[in-house]
């Protein structure tokens, strides 16, 4: 992802702010959310004792709720 950022500087010329378009900001937030999801999945895999197949989980849930 390439971002065309503009910078605001203080009186000494040091960058103090970043200016993005709304579209660039939204793309950046989507990438961040995907990264967080990936990290959450990785953490879950490390701590999981086992996974249940989705179809089996649905059957179990329906059986327990009488559906």
Protein backbone atom coordinates (compact mmCIF):
# COMPACT_ATOMS: atom_id res chain seq x y z
CA UNK A 1 0.00 0.00 0.00
CA UNK A 2 1.41 3.35 -0.99
CA UNK A 3 0.29 6.36 0.97
CA UNK A 4 0.85 9.91 -0.17
CA UNK A 5 1.19 11.65 3.15
CA UNK A 6 1.67 15.32 3.69
CA UNK A 7 3.46 16.55 6.77
CA UNK A 8 2.97 19.57 8.95
CA UNK A 9 6.07 20.92 10.60
CA UNK A 10 6.85 23.08 13.58
CA UNK A 11 8.87 26.29 13.41
CA UNK A 12 12.10 24.27 13.42
CA UNK A 13 11.03 22.18 10.45
CA UNK A 14 10.40 19.01 12.47
CA UNK A 15 7.45 16.90 11.35
CA UNK A 16 4.67 17.11 13.90
CA UNK A 17 1.55 15.97 12.03
CA UNK A 18 0.61 13.71 9.13
CA UNK A 19 -2.19 14.64 6.75
CA UNK A 20 -3.96 11.85 4.85
CA UNK A 21 -6.99 11.86 2.62
CA UNK A 22 -10.07 10.20 4.07
CA UNK A 23 -9.65 7.34 1.60
CA UNK A 24 -6.03 6.77 2.60
CA UNK A 25 -6.99 6.89 6.27
CA UNK A 26 -9.77 4.33 5.72
CA UNK A 27 -7.40 1.99 3.84
CA UNK A 28 -4.84 2.32 6.61
CA UNK A 29 -7.46 1.52 9.26
CA UNK A 30 -8.66 -1.53 7.27
CA UNK A 31 -5.09 -2.83 7.03
CA UNK A 32 -4.63 -2.29 10.75
CA UNK A 33 -7.84 -4.16 11.53
CA UNK A 34 -6.77 -7.06 9.31
CA UNK A 35 -3.43 -7.18 11.08
CA UNK A 36 -5.14 -7.20 14.48
CA UNK A 37 -7.42 -10.03 13.31
CA UNK A 38 -4.39 -12.02 12.13
CA UNK A 39 -2.63 -11.52 15.45
CA UNK A 40 -5.78 -12.52 17.37
CA UNK A 41 -6.06 -15.71 15.30
CA UNK A 42 -2.41 -16.52 15.86
CA UNK A 43 -2.86 -16.04 19.61
CA UNK A 44 -5.99 -18.21 19.61
CA UNK A 45 -4.21 -20.99 17.74
CA UNK A 46 -1.37 -20.96 20.28
CA UNK A 47 -3.70 -21.18 23.27
CA UNK A 48 -6.40 -23.44 21.80
CA UNK A 49 -6.79 -26.98 23.00
CA UNK A 50 -8.51 -27.87 19.76
CA UNK A 51 -10.88 -26.55 17.15
CA UNK A 52 -14.37 -27.72 16.29
CA UNK A 53 -15.53 -27.95 12.71
CA UNK A 54 -18.08 -25.20 11.93
CA UNK A 55 -20.77 -27.68 10.85
CA UNK A 56 -20.32 -29.64 14.09
CA UNK A 57 -20.55 -26.44 16.14
CA UNK A 58 -23.78 -25.45 14.38
CA UNK A 59 -25.27 -28.92 14.97
CA UNK A 60 -24.26 -28.77 18.64
CA UNK A 61 -25.79 -25.31 19.03
CA UNK A 62 -29.04 -26.30 17.36
CA UNK A 63 -29.26 -29.46 19.44
CA UNK A 64 -28.86 -27.45 22.64
CA UNK A 65 -31.45 -24.83 21.68
CA UNK A 66 -34.03 -27.25 20.28
CA UNK A 67 -33.91 -25.82 16.77
